[in-house]
C-alpha atoms as a PDB file:
ATOM      1  CA  MET A   1     110.046 110.052  92.951  1.00  0.00           C
ATOM      2  CA  ARG A   2     109.479 109.245  89.210  1.00  0.00           C
ATOM      3  CA  ASP A   3     105.969 109.036  88.278  1.00  0.00           C
ATOM      4  CA  ASP A   4     104.601 108.261  84.713  1.00  0.00           C
ATOM      5  CA  ARG A   5     101.204 109.639  85.442  1.00  0.00           C
ATOM      6  CA  THR A   6     102.495 113.373  85.018  1.00  0.00           C
ATOM      7  CA  GLN A   7     104.090 115.146  82.261  1.00  0.00           C
ATOM      8  CA  THR A   8     105.867 117.631  84.599  1.00  0.00           C
ATOM      9  CA  THR A   9     109.418 116.606  85.357  1.00  0.00           C
ATOM     10  CA  GLY A  10     111.625 117.434  88.221  1.00  0.00           C
ATOM     11  CA  PHE A  11     111.475 117.245  92.038  1.00  0.00           C
ATOM     12  CA  ILE A  12     109.499 118.823  94.989  1.00  0.00           C
ATOM     13  CA  MET A  13     112.105 120.269  97.611  1.00  0.00           C
ATOM     14  CA  ALA A  14     109.798 119.775 100.453  1.00  0.00           C
ATOM     15  CA  ASP A  15     112.293 121.028 102.920  1.00  0.00           C
ATOM     16  CA  GLN A  16     112.781 124.352 100.740  1.00  0.00           C
ATOM     17  CA  THR A  17     109.257 125.553 101.356  1.00  0.00           C
ATOM     18  CA  ARG A  18     108.631 129.296 101.272  1.00  0.00           C
ATOM     19  CA  THR A  19     106.046 131.739  99.939  1.00  0.00           C
ATOM     20  CA  ILE A  20     106.854 132.819  96.271  1.00  0.00           C
ATOM     21  CA  SER A  21     104.517 134.822  94.054  1.00  0.00           C
ATOM     22  CA  ALA A  22     103.402 132.714  91.245  1.00  0.00           C
ATOM     23  CA  LYS A  23     102.597 135.884  89.547  1.00  0.00           C
ATOM     24  CA  ALA A  24     106.242 137.333  89.937  1.00  0.00           C
ATOM     25  CA  ARG A  25     107.551 133.938  88.730  1.00  0.00           C
ATOM     26  CA  LYS A  26     105.232 134.019  85.831  1.00  0.00           C
ATOM     27  CA  ALA A  27     104.109 130.501  86.589  1.00  0.00           C
ATOM     28  CA  ILE A  28     101.496 128.884  84.601  1.00  0.00           C
ATOM     29  CA  HIS A  29      99.236 125.922  85.715  1.00  0.00           C
ATOM     30  CA  VAL A  30     100.161 122.693  83.923  1.00  0.00           C
ATOM     31  CA  GLU A  31      98.525 119.788  85.359  1.00  0.00           C
ATOM     32  CA  GLU A  32      97.156 118.327  88.890  1.00  0.00           C
ATOM     33  CA  LEU A  33      99.292 116.517  91.233  1.00  0.00           C
ATOM     34  CA  PRO A  34      97.790 113.077  91.711  1.00  0.00           C
ATOM     35  CA  GLU A  35      96.311 112.809  95.247  1.00  0.00           C
ATOM     36  CA  ASP A  36      98.680 110.234  96.674  1.00  0.00           C
ATOM     37  CA  ILE A  37     101.743 112.263  95.698  1.00  0.00           C
ATOM     38  CA  LEU A  38     100.212 115.393  97.179  1.00  0.00           C
ATOM     39  CA  LEU A  39      99.325 113.491 100.478  1.00  0.00           C
ATOM     40  CA  LYS A  40     102.657 112.221 100.636  1.00  0.00           C
ATOM     41  CA  VAL A  41     104.344 115.522 100.188  1.00  0.00           C
ATOM     42  CA  SER A  42     102.014 117.389 102.633  1.00  0.00           C
ATOM     43  CA  SER A  43     102.933 114.717 105.199  1.00  0.00           C
ATOM     44  CA  LEU A  44     106.551 115.212 104.584  1.00  0.00           C
ATOM     45  CA  ILE A  45     106.133 119.271 104.938  1.00  0.00           C
ATOM     46  CA  LYS A  46     104.161 118.946 108.086  1.00  0.00           C
ATOM     47  CA  ARG A  47     106.832 116.635 109.738  1.00  0.00           C
ATOM     48  CA  ILE A  48     109.602 119.149 108.836  1.00  0.00           C
ATOM     49  CA  LEU A  49     107.433 122.027 110.414  1.00  0.00           C
ATOM     50  CA  ASP A  50     106.574 120.072 113.194  1.00  0.00           C
ATOM     51  CA  ASN A  51     110.282 119.650 114.089  1.00  0.00           C
ATOM     52  CA  ASP A  52     110.851 123.232 114.053  1.00  0.00           C
END
């Protein structure tokens, strides 16, 4: 899903969820995710987890 409201590029692999230490990856906070995208991704992850 391409969205011009964000500066971050790439995609969310909702079916590849796992716990990864942000500190170990040296991740930095760049921006907030628009709420409608967050809700869509959260819904997809919930559907995936409910099917396991």
